[in-house]
Amino acid sequence: HKKLLNSYESLLNNHAVLKEDYVALLENNSDYYAEYYHLLVQENSVLVKRNLELFEEIEWLHEEIRILYDEIEKLKKRNESLSC
């Protein structure tokens, strides 16, 4: 879980660096590299969004697991009380 958060933060940092490089290239009028970096920024943006979606899905799954675990514990207690 912490690894995913670090991975997501790393993607955001990479995205910020790519944007800075892109702006610098635009300022230097390097059309080829500007276009190349523009595509990288777009691709990285898609990856950042997908990573966030996955992170949110994992959070949801963690919550579902917690709920199921609670239900299992309730059933165990009920079973114990019935067996007495």
PDB file of N, CA and C in Angstrom:
ATOM      1  N   HIS A   1       0.831  -1.193   0.000  1.00  0.00           N
ATOM      2  CA  HIS A   1       0.000   0.000   0.000  1.00  0.00           C
ATOM      3  C   HIS A   1       0.875   1.256   0.000  1.00  0.00           C
ATOM      4  N   LYS A   2       1.862   1.278   0.897  1.00  0.00           N
ATOM      5  CA  LYS A   2       2.774   2.428   0.941  1.00  0.00           C
ATOM      6  C   LYS A   2       3.604   2.491  -0.341  1.00  0.00           C
ATOM      7  N   LYS A   3       3.960   1.309  -0.861  1.00  0.00           N
ATOM      8  CA  LYS A   3       4.730   1.246  -2.099  1.00  0.00           C
ATOM      9  C   LYS A   3       3.947   1.886  -3.248  1.00  0.00           C
ATOM     10  N   LEU A   4       2.628   1.607  -3.294  1.00  0.00           N
ATOM     11  CA  LEU A   4       1.789   2.185  -4.342  1.00  0.00           C
ATOM     12  C   LEU A   4       1.715   3.699  -4.217  1.00  0.00           C
ATOM     13  N   LEU A   5       1.585   4.172  -2.997  1.00  0.00           N
ATOM     14  CA  LEU A   5       1.537   5.614  -2.786  1.00  0.00           C
ATOM     15  C   LEU A   5       2.844   6.260  -3.221  1.00  0.00           C
ATOM     16  N   ASN A   6       3.971   5.638  -2.878  1.00  0.00           N
ATOM     17  CA  ASN A   6       5.280   6.146  -3.307  1.00  0.00           C
ATOM     18  C   ASN A   6       5.389   6.118  -4.823  1.00  0.00           C
ATOM     19  N   SER A   7       4.879   5.044  -5.433  1.00  0.00           N
ATOM     20  CA  SER A   7       4.907   4.913  -6.888  1.00  0.00           C
ATOM     21  C   SER A   7       4.083   6.026  -7.535  1.00  0.00           C
ATOM     22  N   TYR A   8       2.925   6.303  -6.954  1.00  0.00           N
ATOM     23  CA  TYR A   8       2.063   7.358  -7.475  1.00  0.00           C
ATOM     24  C   TYR A   8       2.741   8.723  -7.344  1.00  0.00           C
ATOM     25  N   GLU A   9       3.335   8.976  -6.184  1.00  0.00           N
ATOM     26  CA  GLU A   9       4.043  10.244  -5.972  1.00  0.00           C
ATOM     27  C   GLU A   9       5.220  10.367  -6.932  1.00  0.00           C
ATOM     28  N   SER A  10       5.896   9.275  -7.192  1.00  0.00           N
ATOM     29  CA  SER A  10       7.011   9.274  -8.132  1.00  0.00           C
ATOM     30  C   SER A  10       6.524   9.619  -9.537  1.00  0.00           C
ATOM     31  N   LEU A  11       5.384   9.042  -9.926  1.00  0.00           N
ATOM     32  CA  LEU A  11       4.809   9.367 -11.233  1.00  0.00           C
ATOM     33  C   LEU A  11       4.460  10.851 -11.322  1.00  0.00           C
ATOM     34  N   LEU A  12       3.889  11.391 -10.260  1.00  0.00           N
ATOM     35  CA  LEU A  12       3.558  12.823 -10.262  1.00  0.00           C
ATOM     36  C   LEU A  12       4.816  13.671 -10.388  1.00  0.00           C
ATOM     37  N   ASN A  13       5.871  13.286  -9.681  1.00  0.00           N
ATOM     38  CA  ASN A  13       7.140  14.019  -9.769  1.00  0.00           C
ATOM     39  C   ASN A  13       7.710  13.948 -11.177  1.00  0.00           C
ATOM     40  N   ASN A  14       7.691  12.749 -11.770  1.00  0.00           N
ATOM     41  CA  ASN A  14       8.186  12.589 -13.142  1.00  0.00           C
ATOM     42  C   ASN A  14       7.372  13.444 -14.101  1.00  0.00           C
ATOM     43  N   HIS A  15       6.074  13.481 -13.867  1.00  0.00           N
ATOM     44  CA  HIS A  15       5.190  14.276 -14.713  1.00  0.00           C
ATOM     45  C   HIS A  15       5.563  15.761 -14.618  1.00  0.00           C
ATOM     46  N   ALA A  16       5.824  16.226 -13.416  1.00  0.00           N
ATOM     47  CA  ALA A  16       6.206  17.629 -13.218  1.00  0.00           C
ATOM     48  C   ALA A  16       7.525  17.937 -13.918  1.00  0.00           C
ATOM     49  N   VAL A  17       8.483  17.015 -13.822  1.00  0.00           N
ATOM     50  CA  VAL A  17       9.784  17.204 -14.480  1.00  0.00           C
ATOM     51  C   VAL A  17       9.603  17.242 -15.991  1.00  0.00           C
ATOM     52  N   LEU A  18       8.787  16.331 -16.520  1.00  0.00           N
ATOM     53  CA  LEU A  18       8.540  16.325 -17.961  1.00  0.00           C
ATOM     54  C   LEU A  18       7.916  17.645 -18.409  1.00  0.00           C
ATOM     55  N   LYS A  19       6.983  18.151 -17.631  1.00  0.00           N
ATOM     56  CA  LYS A  19       6.361  19.435 -17.988  1.00  0.00           C
ATOM     57  C   LYS A  19       7.395  20.552 -18.000  1.00  0.00           C
ATOM     58  N   GLU A  20       8.278  20.567 -16.999  1.00  0.00           N
ATOM     59  CA  GLU A  20       9.328  21.595 -16.946  1.00  0.00           C
ATOM     60  C   GLU A  20      10.242  21.491 -18.163  1.00  0.00           C
ATOM     61  N   ASP A  21      10.634  20.259 -18.511  1.00  0.00           N
ATOM     62  CA  ASP A  21      11.487  20.054 -19.687  1.00  0.00           C
ATOM     63  C   ASP A  21      10.778  20.519 -20.955  1.00  0.00           C
ATOM     64  N   TYR A  22       9.495  20.219 -21.036  1.00  0.00           N
ATOM     65  CA  TYR A  22       8.703  20.604 -22.198  1.00  0.00           C
ATOM     66  C   TYR A  22       8.669  22.130 -22.350  1.00  0.00           C
ATOM     67  N   VAL A  23       8.419  22.823 -21.257  1.00  0.00           N
ATOM     68  CA  VAL A  23       8.382  24.293 -21.284  1.00  0.00           C
ATOM     69  C   VAL A  23       9.747  24.848 -21.691  1.00  0.00           C
ATOM     70  N   ALA A  24      10.811  24.278 -21.143  1.00  0.00           N
ATOM     71  CA  ALA A  24      12.168  24.732 -21.485  1.00  0.00           C
ATOM     72  C   ALA A  24      12.439  24.526 -22.972  1.00  0.00           C
ATOM     73  N   LEU A  25      12.019  23.391 -23.506  1.00  0.00           N
ATOM     74  CA  LEU A  25      12.226  23.124 -24.931  1.00  0.00           C
ATOM     75  C   LEU A  25      11.412  24.082 -25.798  1.00  0.00           C
ATOM     76  N   LEU A  26      10.199  24.368 -25.381  1.00  0.00           N
ATOM     77  CA  LEU A  26       9.387  25.331 -26.133  1.00  0.00           C
ATOM     78  C   LEU A  26      10.064  26.695 -26.172  1.00  0.00           C
ATOM     79  N   GLU A  27      10.642  27.074 -25.034  1.00  0.00           N
ATOM     80  CA  GLU A  27      11.327  28.367 -24.962  1.00  0.00           C
ATOM     81  C   GLU A  27      12.548  28.398 -25.876  1.00  0.00           C
ATOM     82  N   ASN A  28      13.143  27.238 -26.117  1.00  0.00           N
ATOM     83  CA  ASN A  28      14.315  27.157 -26.996  1.00  0.00           C
ATOM     84  C   ASN A  28      13.928  26.880 -28.447  1.00  0.00           C
ATOM     85  N   ASN A  29      12.629  26.830 -28.729  1.00  0.00           N
ATOM     86  CA  ASN A  29      12.117  26.621 -30.086  1.00  0.00           C
ATOM     87  C   ASN A  29      12.641  25.351 -30.745  1.00  0.00           C
ATOM     88  N   SER A  30      12.788  24.320 -30.004  1.00  0.00           N
ATOM     89  CA  SER A  30      13.209  23.036 -30.558  1.00  0.00           C
ATOM     90  C   SER A  30      11.951  22.212 -30.853  1.00  0.00           C
ATOM     91  N   ASP A  31      11.415  22.389 -32.056  1.00  0.00           N
ATOM     92  CA  ASP A  31      10.120  21.792 -32.407  1.00  0.00           C
ATOM     93  C   ASP A  31      10.080  20.276 -32.255  1.00  0.00           C
ATOM     94  N   TYR A  32      11.112  19.601 -32.767  1.00  0.00           N
ATOM     95  CA  TYR A  32      11.117  18.136 -32.707  1.00  0.00           C
ATOM     96  C   TYR A  32      11.078  17.657 -31.266  1.00  0.00           C
ATOM     97  N   TYR A  33      11.983  18.180 -30.443  1.00  0.00           N
ATOM     98  CA  TYR A  33      12.045  17.736 -29.053  1.00  0.00           C
ATOM     99  C   TYR A  33      10.839  18.218 -28.252  1.00  0.00           C
ATOM    100  N   ALA A  34      10.357  19.392 -28.607  1.00  0.00           N
ATOM    101  CA  ALA A  34       9.160  19.893 -27.923  1.00  0.00           C
ATOM    102  C   ALA A  34       7.984  18.956 -28.180  1.00  0.00           C
ATOM    103  N   GLU A  35       7.830  18.527 -29.425  1.00  0.00           N
ATOM    104  CA  GLU A  35       6.744  17.598 -29.765  1.00  0.00           C
ATOM    105  C   GLU A  35       6.946  16.254 -29.068  1.00  0.00           C
ATOM    106  N   TYR A  36       8.187  15.782 -29.059  1.00  0.00           N
ATOM    107  CA  TYR A  36       8.515  14.514 -28.393  1.00  0.00           C
ATOM    108  C   TYR A  36       8.171  14.587 -26.904  1.00  0.00           C
ATOM    109  N   TYR A  37       8.594  15.650 -26.257  1.00  0.00           N
ATOM    110  CA  TYR A  37       8.302  15.801 -24.829  1.00  0.00           C
ATOM    111  C   TYR A  37       6.819  16.038 -24.586  1.00  0.00           C
ATOM    112  N   HIS A  38       6.165  16.724 -25.514  1.00  0.00           N
ATOM    113  CA  HIS A  38       4.720  16.920 -25.383  1.00  0.00           C
ATOM    114  C   HIS A  38       4.017  15.563 -25.367  1.00  0.00           C
ATOM    115  N   LEU A  39       4.435  14.675 -26.250  1.00  0.00           N
ATOM    116  CA  LEU A  39       3.855  13.325 -26.279  1.00  0.00           C
ATOM    117  C   LEU A  39       4.167  12.565 -24.997  1.00  0.00           C
ATOM    118  N   LEU A  40       5.392  12.727 -24.487  1.00  0.00           N
ATOM    119  CA  LEU A  40       5.747  12.074 -23.222  1.00  0.00           C
ATOM    120  C   LEU A  40       4.904  12.599 -22.067  1.00  0.00           C
ATOM    121  N   VAL A  41       4.691  13.901 -22.053  1.00  0.00           N
ATOM    122  CA  VAL A  41       3.868  14.501 -20.995  1.00  0.00           C
ATOM    123  C   VAL A  41       2.443  13.959 -21.082  1.00  0.00           C
ATOM    124  N   GLN A  42       1.916  13.874 -22.291  1.00  0.00           N
ATOM    125  CA  GLN A  42       0.563  13.339 -22.462  1.00  0.00           C
ATOM    126  C   GLN A  42       0.489  11.883 -22.010  1.00  0.00           C
ATOM    127  N   GLU A  43       1.463  11.082 -22.434  1.00  0.00           N
ATOM    128  CA  GLU A  43       1.492   9.670 -22.061  1.00  0.00           C
ATOM    129  C   GLU A  43       1.618   9.522 -20.544  1.00  0.00           C
ATOM    130  N   ASN A  44       2.483  10.314 -19.953  1.00  0.00           N
ATOM    131  CA  ASN A  44       2.675  10.247 -18.510  1.00  0.00           C
ATOM    132  C   ASN A  44       1.408  10.688 -17.781  1.00  0.00           C
ATOM    133  N   SER A  45       0.720  11.666 -18.334  1.00  0.00           N
ATOM    134  CA  SER A  45      -0.533  12.128 -17.741  1.00  0.00           C
ATOM    135  C   SER A  45      -1.558  10.996 -17.710  1.00  0.00           C
ATOM    136  N   VAL A  46      -1.627  10.238 -18.788  1.00  0.00           N
ATOM    137  CA  VAL A  46      -2.525   9.081 -18.842  1.00  0.00           C
ATOM    138  C   VAL A  46      -2.120   8.057 -17.781  1.00  0.00           C
ATOM    139  N   LEU A  47      -0.817   7.824 -17.646  1.00  0.00           N
ATOM    140  CA  LEU A  47      -0.332   6.869 -16.648  1.00  0.00           C
ATOM    141  C   LEU A  47      -0.638   7.340 -15.229  1.00  0.00           C
ATOM    142  N   VAL A  48      -0.484   8.616 -14.986  1.00  0.00           N
ATOM    143  CA  VAL A  48      -0.786   9.166 -13.657  1.00  0.00           C
ATOM    144  C   VAL A  48      -2.270   8.970 -13.343  1.00  0.00           C
ATOM    145  N   LYS A  49      -3.128   9.275 -14.310  1.00  0.00           N
ATOM    146  CA  LYS A  49      -4.572   9.109 -14.097  1.00  0.00           C
ATOM    147  C   LYS A  49      -4.918   7.645 -13.852  1.00  0.00           C
ATOM    148  N   ARG A  50      -4.330   6.749 -14.645  1.00  0.00           N
ATOM    149  CA  ARG A  50      -4.611   5.314 -14.479  1.00  0.00           C
ATOM    150  C   ARG A  50      -4.105   4.831 -13.126  1.00  0.00           C
ATOM    151  N   ASN A  51      -2.940   5.314 -12.725  1.00  0.00           N
ATOM    152  CA  ASN A  51      -2.386   4.929 -11.433  1.00  0.00           C
ATOM    153  C   ASN A  51      -3.309   5.390 -10.312  1.00  0.00           C
ATOM    154  N   LEU A  52      -3.842   6.585 -10.436  1.00  0.00           N
ATOM    155  CA  LEU A  52      -4.772   7.098  -9.429  1.00  0.00           C
ATOM    156  C   LEU A  52      -6.038   6.240  -9.384  1.00  0.00           C
ATOM    157  N   GLU A  53      -6.547   5.863 -10.555  1.00  0.00           N
ATOM    158  CA  GLU A  53      -7.726   4.992 -10.602  1.00  0.00           C
ATOM    159  C   GLU A  53      -7.442   3.675  -9.894  1.00  0.00           C
ATOM    160  N   LEU A  54      -6.276   3.100 -10.164  1.00  0.00           N
ATOM    161  CA  LEU A  54      -5.904   1.840  -9.519  1.00  0.00           C
ATOM    162  C   LEU A  54      -5.738   2.020  -8.021  1.00  0.00           C
ATOM    163  N   PHE A  55      -5.146   3.128  -7.622  1.00  0.00           N
ATOM    164  CA  PHE A  55      -4.965   3.412  -6.204  1.00  0.00           C
ATOM    165  C   PHE A  55      -6.325   3.505  -5.508  1.00  0.00           C
ATOM    166  N   GLU A  56      -7.275   4.198  -6.137  1.00  0.00           N
ATOM    167  CA  GLU A  56      -8.616   4.315  -5.566  1.00  0.00           C
ATOM    168  C   GLU A  56      -9.309   2.958  -5.512  1.00  0.00           C
ATOM    169  N   GLU A  57      -9.112   2.149  -6.554  1.00  0.00           N
ATOM    170  CA  GLU A  57      -9.705   0.812  -6.573  1.00  0.00           C
ATOM    171  C   GLU A  57      -9.120  -0.055  -5.458  1.00  0.00           C
ATOM    172  N   ILE A  58      -7.832   0.050  -5.237  1.00  0.00           N
ATOM    173  CA  ILE A  58      -7.181  -0.706  -4.166  1.00  0.00           C
ATOM    174  C   ILE A  58      -7.705  -0.249  -2.810  1.00  0.00           C
ATOM    175  N   GLU A  59      -7.881   1.059  -2.646  1.00  0.00           N
ATOM    176  CA  GLU A  59      -8.455   1.572  -1.397  1.00  0.00           C
ATOM    177  C   GLU A  59      -9.844   0.978  -1.172  1.00  0.00           C
ATOM    178  N   TRP A  60     -10.644   0.946  -2.223  1.00  0.00           N
ATOM    179  CA  TRP A  60     -11.987   0.381  -2.133  1.00  0.00           C
ATOM    180  C   TRP A  60     -11.905  -1.101  -1.764  1.00  0.00           C
ATOM    181  N   LEU A  61     -11.002  -1.836  -2.398  1.00  0.00           N
ATOM    182  CA  LEU A  61     -10.838  -3.261  -2.097  1.00  0.00           C
ATOM    183  C   LEU A  61     -10.390  -3.478  -0.659  1.00  0.00           C
ATOM    184  N   HIS A  62      -9.503  -2.625  -0.164  1.00  0.00           N
ATOM    185  CA  HIS A  62      -9.088  -2.721   1.243  1.00  0.00           C
ATOM    186  C   HIS A  62     -10.291  -2.565   2.165  1.00  0.00           C
ATOM    187  N   GLU A  63     -11.152  -1.627   1.841  1.00  0.00           N
ATOM    188  CA  GLU A  63     -12.353  -1.406   2.658  1.00  0.00           C
ATOM    189  C   GLU A  63     -13.277  -2.622   2.586  1.00  0.00           C
ATOM    190  N   GLU A  64     -13.441  -3.174   1.390  1.00  0.00           N
ATOM    191  CA  GLU A  64     -14.272  -4.372   1.236  1.00  0.00           C
ATOM    192  C   GLU A  64     -13.704  -5.542   2.038  1.00  0.00           C
ATOM    193  N   ILE A  65     -12.406  -5.694   2.007  1.00  0.00           N
ATOM    194  CA  ILE A  65     -11.749  -6.763   2.772  1.00  0.00           C
ATOM    195  C   ILE A  65     -11.977  -6.554   4.265  1.00  0.00           C
ATOM    196  N   ARG A  66     -11.871  -5.319   4.706  1.00  0.00           N
ATOM    197  CA  ARG A  66     -12.100  -5.018   6.124  1.00  0.00           C
ATOM    198  C   ARG A  66     -13.530  -5.378   6.526  1.00  0.00           C
ATOM    199  N   ILE A  67     -14.490  -5.033   5.685  1.00  0.00           N
ATOM    200  CA  ILE A  67     -15.896  -5.354   5.954  1.00  0.00           C
ATOM    201  C   ILE A  67     -16.087  -6.867   6.013  1.00  0.00           C
ATOM    202  N   LEU A  68     -15.503  -7.577   5.057  1.00  0.00           N
ATOM    203  CA  LEU A  68     -15.617  -9.042   5.052  1.00  0.00           C
ATOM    204  C   LEU A  68     -14.957  -9.654   6.276  1.00  0.00           C
ATOM    205  N   TYR A  69     -13.827  -9.122   6.665  1.00  0.00           N
ATOM    206  CA  TYR A  69     -13.137  -9.611   7.856  1.00  0.00           C
ATOM    207  C   TYR A  69     -14.021  -9.417   9.086  1.00  0.00           C
ATOM    208  N   ASP A  70     -14.653  -8.256   9.192  1.00  0.00           N
ATOM    209  CA  ASP A  70     -15.572  -7.996  10.307  1.00  0.00           C
ATOM    210  C   ASP A  70     -16.727  -8.993  10.306  1.00  0.00           C
ATOM    211  N   GLU A  71     -17.260  -9.275   9.131  1.00  0.00           N
ATOM    212  CA  GLU A  71     -18.354 -10.245   9.019  1.00  0.00           C
ATOM    213  C   GLU A  71     -17.898 -11.639   9.442  1.00  0.00           C
ATOM    214  N   ILE A  72     -16.710 -12.011   9.049  1.00  0.00           N
ATOM    215  CA  ILE A  72     -16.159 -13.318   9.439  1.00  0.00           C
ATOM    216  C   ILE A  72     -16.022 -13.399  10.952  1.00  0.00           C
ATOM    217  N   GLU A  73     -15.525 -12.328  11.545  1.00  0.00           N
ATOM    218  CA  GLU A  73     -15.375 -12.304  13.009  1.00  0.00           C
ATOM    219  C   GLU A  73     -16.733 -12.431  13.702  1.00  0.00           C
ATOM    220  N   LYS A  74     -17.746 -11.742  13.178  1.00  0.00           N
ATOM    221  CA  LYS A  74     -19.093 -11.850  13.750  1.00  0.00           C
ATOM    222  C   LYS A  74     -19.606 -13.281  13.648  1.00  0.00           C
ATOM    223  N   LEU A  75     -19.388 -13.901  12.499  1.00  0.00           N
ATOM    224  CA  LEU A  75     -19.840 -15.281  12.302  1.00  0.00           C
ATOM    225  C   LEU A  75     -19.102 -16.249  13.217  1.00  0.00           C
ATOM    226  N   LYS A  76     -17.818 -16.014  13.417  1.00  0.00           N
ATOM    227  CA  LYS A  76     -17.049 -16.857  14.341  1.00  0.00           C
ATOM    228  C   LYS A  76     -17.626 -16.767  15.750  1.00  0.00           C
ATOM    229  N   LYS A  77     -17.892 -15.549  16.196  1.00  0.00           N
ATOM    230  CA  LYS A  77     -18.452 -15.346  17.538  1.00  0.00           C
ATOM    231  C   LYS A  77     -19.827 -15.991  17.655  1.00  0.00           C
ATOM    232  N   ARG A  78     -20.613 -15.836  16.621  1.00  0.00           N
ATOM    233  CA  ARG A  78     -21.951 -16.448  16.624  1.00  0.00           C
ATOM    234  C   ARG A  78     -21.834 -17.961  16.680  1.00  0.00           C
ATOM    235  N   ASN A  79     -20.934 -18.498  15.906  1.00  0.00           N
ATOM    236  CA  ASN A  79     -20.713 -19.939  15.879  1.00  0.00           C
ATOM    237  C   ASN A  79     -20.261 -20.438  17.253  1.00  0.00           C
ATOM    238  N   GLU A  80     -19.358 -19.692  17.873  1.00  0.00           N
ATOM    239  CA  GLU A  80     -18.880 -20.066  19.208  1.00  0.00           C
ATOM    240  C   GLU A  80     -20.020 -20.051  20.225  1.00  0.00           C
ATOM    241  N   SER A  81     -20.870 -19.048  20.144  1.00  0.00           N
ATOM    242  CA  SER A  81     -21.975 -18.960  21.102  1.00  0.00           C
ATOM    243  C   SER A  81     -23.002 -20.070  20.871  1.00  0.00           C
ATOM    244  N   LEU A  82     -23.173 -20.472  19.625  1.00  0.00           N
ATOM    245  CA  LEU A  82     -24.116 -21.552  19.325  1.00  0.00           C
ATOM    246  C   LEU A  82     -23.577 -22.915  19.741  1.00  0.00           C
ATOM    247  N   SER A  83     -22.283 -23.063  19.712  1.00  0.00           N
ATOM    248  CA  SER A  83     -21.685 -24.357  20.055  1.00  0.00           C
ATOM    249  C   SER A  83     -21.598 -24.580  21.567  1.00  0.00           C
ATOM    250  N   CYS A  84     -21.818 -23.541  22.347  1.00  0.00           N
ATOM    251  CA  CYS A  84     -21.746 -23.684  23.812  1.00  0.00           C
ATOM    252  C   CYS A  84     -22.954 -24.333  24.395  1.00  0.00           C
TER     253      CYS A  84
END
